[in-house]
Amino acid sequence: MNRPKPTCGSLLVGLLLSVSLTSCSTMLNILFGWDECDYPGCNREARKGSNYCPMHDYEMQKNNFDRSWDNTRKKAAEQTGKKSY
């Protein structure tokens, strides 16, 4: 059985249907390469290389806390003359 070849009109109808069923934010994401945060209810832009925005990227927050804590220990050790861990 021979299938009819897709015409320009049917391709246009398919394109319009897919665009109309796609949300505006999804279209912007596709066009501009933006990724939204995967945290439920958050529509902020995700960090590069992450699925989450800086507010919800717990790994980034943990690393910042660890670095801050290490710096605090080093400064305290320098002031007291004790060796830091």
Protein backbone atom coordinates (compact mmCIF):
# COMPACT_ATOMS: atom_id res chain seq x y z
CA MET A 1 0.00 0.00 0.00
CA ASN A 2 1.43 3.37 -0.99
CA ARG A 3 1.38 6.10 1.63
CA PRO A 4 0.78 9.64 0.42
CA LYS A 5 3.79 11.92 0.57
CA PRO A 6 3.61 14.62 3.22
CA THR A 7 2.75 17.93 1.68
CA CYS A 8 3.85 21.34 2.80
CA GLY A 9 0.38 22.00 4.20
CA SER A 10 0.35 18.88 6.39
CA LEU A 11 3.84 19.68 7.68
CA LEU A 12 2.71 23.22 8.52
CA VAL A 13 -0.37 21.92 10.36
CA GLY A 14 1.83 19.51 12.33
CA LEU A 15 4.25 22.29 13.25
CA LEU A 16 1.44 24.64 14.34
CA LEU A 17 -0.16 21.87 16.41
CA SER A 18 3.09 21.05 18.20
CA VAL A 19 3.84 24.74 18.88
CA SER A 20 0.33 25.39 20.19
CA LEU A 21 0.58 22.45 22.61
CA THR A 22 3.97 23.58 23.94
CA SER A 23 4.15 26.08 26.79
CA CYS A 24 5.80 29.45 26.34
CA SER A 25 8.54 28.68 28.86
CA THR A 26 9.37 25.43 27.08
CA MET A 27 9.66 27.27 23.77
CA LEU A 28 12.01 29.83 25.35
CA ASN A 29 14.06 27.02 26.84
CA ILE A 30 14.38 25.39 23.45
CA LEU A 31 15.20 28.62 21.61
CA PHE A 32 17.65 30.10 24.11
CA GLY A 33 19.03 26.99 25.76
CA TRP A 34 17.72 27.89 29.21
CA ASP A 35 17.19 25.13 31.71
CA GLU A 36 14.77 25.62 34.56
CA CYS A 37 15.49 24.45 38.07
CA ASP A 38 14.15 20.94 38.74
CA TYR A 39 13.00 21.87 42.25
CA PRO A 40 9.19 21.59 42.35
CA GLY A 41 7.55 24.97 41.85
CA CYS A 42 10.82 26.81 41.08
CA ASN A 43 11.10 28.50 37.70
CA ARG A 44 14.55 30.05 38.12
CA GLU A 45 17.31 29.36 35.63
CA ALA A 46 19.41 26.31 36.49
CA ARG A 47 23.16 26.67 36.96
CA LYS A 48 25.38 25.49 34.15
CA GLY A 49 26.15 21.81 34.65
CA SER A 50 23.40 21.41 37.25
CA ASN A 51 19.69 20.71 37.25
CA TYR A 52 19.10 23.25 40.02
CA CYS A 53 19.34 27.00 40.52
CA PRO A 54 21.84 28.31 43.10
CA MET A 55 19.09 28.48 45.75
CA HIS A 56 18.25 24.77 45.41
CA ASP A 57 21.65 23.33 44.47
CA TYR A 58 22.43 21.68 47.79
CA GLU A 59 25.77 20.29 46.59
CA MET A 60 26.95 23.83 45.81
CA GLN A 61 25.70 25.06 49.19
CA LYS A 62 27.45 22.19 50.98
CA ASN A 63 30.72 22.90 49.17
CA ASN A 64 30.47 26.61 50.02
CA PHE A 65 29.82 25.76 53.67
CA ASP A 66 32.73 23.31 53.79
CA ARG A 67 35.11 25.84 52.21
CA SER A 68 33.92 28.54 54.58
CA TRP A 69 34.38 26.25 57.57
CA ASP A 70 37.88 25.25 56.41
CA ASN A 71 38.87 28.91 56.00
CA THR A 72 37.54 29.72 59.47
CA ARG A 73 39.54 26.87 61.02
CA LYS A 74 42.72 27.94 59.21
CA LYS A 75 42.35 31.56 60.34
CA ALA A 76 41.66 30.48 63.91
CA ALA A 77 44.73 28.22 63.83
CA GLU A 78 46.89 31.06 62.51
CA GLN A 79 45.70 33.39 65.27
CA THR A 80 46.22 30.87 68.07
CA GLY A 81 49.41 29.37 66.63
CA LYS A 82 47.93 25.85 66.58
CA LYS A 83 48.09 23.56 63.59
CA SER A 84 44.87 23.31 61.57
CA TYR A 85 43.45 19.93 60.64
